[in-house]
Amino acid sequence: MVCYHIHGTYEISEAHDRETFYNTGLAIPYGVFDGTAVVWEASPNNYDSVYTVYVEVARSVTPYYNLYIDSALVGPSTGRLNLKIVAADSIPDDEIAVYMNVLEDSLPDLTTPPIVFYSVCRQQFSFPLEIAYPDTFDTTITFSHSSQSDKMKTVVFIQAIDTKEVMQSIISPFEEE
């Protein structure tokens, strides 16, 4: 689960695009697990019990893709991710996109009393993916940032735009250059 802030201090335009894409009509906070199952849970104390069922189902699905992050490097103001995608099986005939979220581990809310947000999406990049089994896709994504380098990580996921299914994902910390 990645937290997209659509209001307040950590709001990004991509978060609004994602909310529109899912169009659940639910109050915030809610989650969309694997792009298809909308989950709403008001109490953080219940998150583990609510999401366990979805995690177990996701683990039983054979992936269409394998993702590899060859390197994730970050300096004081720029970052670079070397990504490799391998088609693992026959791929559905859908429009497929790759998303890379740049996350910051934890950020304080500026309210009183302050609370802490975890895994906050600070930037999102996306591009179409057009490969067929058994092809491989290699790319390098470079970006600028204003986050603390030691608190940054990335989540990369492949999503079918028509069905909204998240077909594979990977998470990685950034290493300082």
Protein backbone atom coordinates (compact mmCIF):
# COMPACT_ATOMS: atom_id res chain seq x y z
CA MET A 1 0.00 0.00 0.00
CA VAL A 2 1.27 3.45 -0.90
CA CYS A 3 -0.19 6.59 0.63
CA TYR A 4 -1.16 9.23 -1.94
CA HIS A 5 -1.89 12.55 -0.25
CA ILE A 6 -4.55 14.47 -2.14
CA HIS A 7 -4.83 17.33 0.37
CA GLY A 8 -2.41 19.23 2.55
CA THR A 9 1.34 19.54 2.85
CA TYR A 10 2.36 16.43 0.89
CA GLU A 11 -0.15 16.71 -1.94
CA ILE A 12 1.11 15.88 -5.43
CA SER A 13 -0.76 16.20 -8.74
CA GLU A 14 -0.24 12.51 -9.53
CA ALA A 15 -2.24 11.62 -6.41
CA HIS A 16 -5.27 13.40 -7.83
CA ASP A 17 -4.81 11.50 -11.09
CA ARG A 18 -4.71 8.18 -9.20
CA GLU A 19 -7.84 9.04 -7.19
CA THR A 20 -9.67 9.89 -10.43
CA PHE A 21 -8.37 6.68 -12.06
CA TYR A 22 -9.88 4.52 -9.29
CA ASN A 23 -12.98 6.69 -8.75
CA THR A 24 -14.15 4.74 -5.69
CA GLY A 25 -16.35 7.46 -4.21
CA LEU A 26 -15.12 6.46 -0.76
CA ALA A 27 -13.90 8.71 1.99
CA ILE A 28 -10.19 8.95 2.62
CA PRO A 29 -8.31 6.92 3.83
CA TYR A 30 -8.95 3.93 1.61
CA GLY A 31 -6.72 1.54 -0.27
CA VAL A 32 -6.92 -0.25 -3.58
CA PHE A 33 -5.18 -3.57 -3.20
CA ASP A 34 -3.50 -4.89 -6.37
CA GLY A 35 -5.45 -2.27 -8.28
CA THR A 36 -8.76 -4.15 -8.08
CA ALA A 37 -9.95 -4.64 -4.48
CA VAL A 38 -11.11 -1.45 -2.77
CA VAL A 39 -10.49 -1.59 0.97
CA TRP A 40 -11.66 0.98 3.49
CA GLU A 41 -10.64 0.72 7.10
CA ALA A 42 -10.94 3.68 9.46
CA SER A 43 -8.85 2.26 12.27
CA PRO A 44 -5.11 1.70 11.74
CA ASN A 45 -5.28 -0.93 14.52
CA ASN A 46 -7.24 -3.15 12.13
CA TYR A 47 -4.98 -2.76 9.06
CA ASP A 48 -3.10 -6.05 9.56
CA SER A 49 -6.21 -8.17 9.96
CA VAL A 50 -8.00 -6.45 7.06
CA TYR A 51 -5.11 -6.68 4.58
CA THR A 52 -3.94 -10.21 5.45
CA VAL A 53 -6.60 -11.82 3.24
CA TYR A 54 -5.58 -9.67 0.25
CA VAL A 55 -1.88 -10.38 0.78
CA GLU A 56 -2.47 -14.14 0.80
CA VAL A 57 -4.49 -13.99 -2.42
CA ALA A 58 -1.84 -11.85 -4.12
CA ARG A 59 0.90 -14.31 -3.15
CA SER A 60 -0.93 -17.15 -4.87
CA VAL A 61 -1.05 -15.42 -8.29
CA THR A 62 1.62 -16.37 -10.84
CA PRO A 63 3.24 -13.14 -12.10
CA TYR A 64 3.20 -12.08 -15.74
CA TYR A 65 6.43 -10.14 -15.22
CA ASN A 66 9.58 -10.26 -13.17
CA LEU A 67 10.99 -6.92 -12.04
CA TYR A 68 14.63 -6.32 -11.16
CA ILE A 69 16.14 -3.14 -9.79
CA ASP A 70 19.79 -3.33 -10.81
CA SER A 71 20.60 -0.17 -8.87
CA ALA A 72 18.76 2.60 -7.05
CA LEU A 73 21.11 5.48 -6.33
CA VAL A 74 20.40 8.89 -4.89
CA GLY A 75 22.46 12.00 -4.29
CA PRO A 76 21.58 15.25 -2.52
CA SER A 77 19.24 16.41 -5.32
CA THR A 78 19.12 13.72 -8.03
CA GLY A 79 18.38 10.03 -8.22
CA ARG A 80 18.75 7.20 -10.71
CA LEU A 81 16.98 3.84 -10.96
CA ASN A 82 18.12 1.06 -13.31
CA LEU A 83 15.11 -1.15 -13.96
CA LYS A 84 14.85 -4.45 -15.81
CA ILE A 85 11.50 -6.05 -16.71
CA VAL A 86 11.27 -9.61 -18.00
CA ALA A 87 8.05 -11.05 -19.41
CA ALA A 88 7.50 -14.24 -17.41
CA ASP A 89 4.54 -15.66 -19.32
CA SER A 90 2.05 -14.83 -22.06
CA ILE A 91 0.74 -11.35 -21.35
CA PRO A 92 -2.91 -10.26 -21.57
CA ASP A 93 -3.75 -7.97 -24.46
CA ASP A 94 -4.24 -4.86 -22.33
CA GLU A 95 -2.68 -1.42 -22.26
CA ILE A 96 0.15 -1.83 -19.74
CA ALA A 97 1.95 0.95 -17.85
CA VAL A 98 4.92 1.00 -15.50
CA TYR A 99 4.80 3.33 -12.48
CA MET A 100 7.70 4.35 -10.30
CA ASN A 101 6.85 5.98 -6.98
CA VAL A 102 9.54 7.81 -5.06
CA LEU A 103 8.66 7.48 -1.38
CA GLU A 104 9.91 9.09 1.78
CA ASP A 105 9.93 6.70 4.76
CA SER A 106 8.26 9.04 7.22
CA LEU A 107 7.14 12.65 7.29
CA PRO A 108 5.55 14.68 10.09
CA ASP A 109 2.11 16.16 9.71
CA LEU A 110 2.11 19.86 10.51
CA THR A 111 -1.01 19.69 12.68
CA THR A 112 -1.21 19.89 16.45
CA PRO A 113 -0.67 17.41 17.92
CA PRO A 114 1.64 16.18 15.14
CA ILE A 115 1.24 12.74 13.63
CA VAL A 116 3.61 10.86 11.34
CA PHE A 117 2.82 9.65 7.81
CA TYR A 118 4.71 6.59 6.55
CA SER A 119 5.78 5.71 2.98
CA VAL A 120 4.58 9.01 1.55
CA CYS A 121 4.59 9.23 -2.25
CA ARG A 122 6.63 12.32 -3.12
CA GLN A 123 6.85 11.77 -6.90
CA GLN A 124 5.43 9.39 -9.47
CA PHE A 125 6.71 8.60 -12.94
CA SER A 126 4.97 6.42 -15.51
CA PHE A 127 5.49 5.14 -19.01
CA PRO A 128 3.84 2.58 -21.30
CA LEU A 129 5.24 -0.95 -21.45
CA GLU A 130 5.05 -2.81 -24.74
CA ILE A 131 6.86 -6.12 -24.54
CA ALA A 132 5.77 -9.69 -25.28
CA TYR A 133 6.96 -13.01 -23.90
CA PRO A 134 9.95 -13.70 -23.79
CA ASP A 135 11.19 -10.10 -24.27
CA THR A 136 13.19 -8.06 -21.77
CA PHE A 137 12.98 -4.31 -21.18
CA ASP A 138 15.84 -2.30 -19.63
CA THR A 139 15.62 1.38 -18.73
CA THR A 140 17.20 4.02 -16.52
CA ILE A 141 14.99 6.61 -14.84
CA THR A 142 16.64 9.78 -13.58
CA PHE A 143 14.89 12.38 -11.45
CA SER A 144 15.38 15.42 -9.23
CA HIS A 145 14.22 15.44 -5.63
CA SER A 146 14.17 17.53 -2.46
CA SER A 147 13.84 14.67 0.06
CA GLN A 148 16.28 13.40 2.66
CA SER A 149 18.39 10.84 0.77
CA ASP A 150 18.59 8.41 3.68
CA LYS A 151 14.77 8.26 3.97
CA MET A 152 14.02 7.50 0.31
CA LYS A 153 12.80 4.28 -1.29
CA THR A 154 10.95 3.35 -4.45
CA VAL A 155 8.01 1.19 -5.37
CA VAL A 156 7.81 0.14 -9.02
CA PHE A 157 4.69 -1.57 -10.30
CA ILE A 158 3.22 -2.73 -13.58
CA GLN A 159 -0.48 -2.12 -14.08
CA ALA A 160 -3.05 -3.08 -16.72
CA ILE A 161 -4.87 0.16 -17.45
CA ASP A 162 -8.12 -1.46 -18.64
CA THR A 163 -8.63 -3.83 -15.68
CA LYS A 164 -6.58 -1.76 -13.18
CA GLU A 165 -4.85 -4.98 -12.05
CA VAL A 166 -1.39 -4.51 -10.59
CA MET A 167 0.49 -7.29 -12.34
CA GLN A 168 3.77 -7.13 -10.43
CA SER A 169 5.57 -4.82 -8.02
CA ILE A 170 8.89 -4.40 -6.28
CA ILE A 171 10.18 -2.14 -3.51
CA SER A 172 13.75 -1.02 -2.96
CA PRO A 173 15.61 1.47 -0.81
CA PHE A 174 17.86 4.00 -2.51
CA GLU A 175 21.56 3.84 -1.78
CA GLU A 176 23.51 7.06 -1.50
CA GLU A 177 25.91 7.78 -4.35
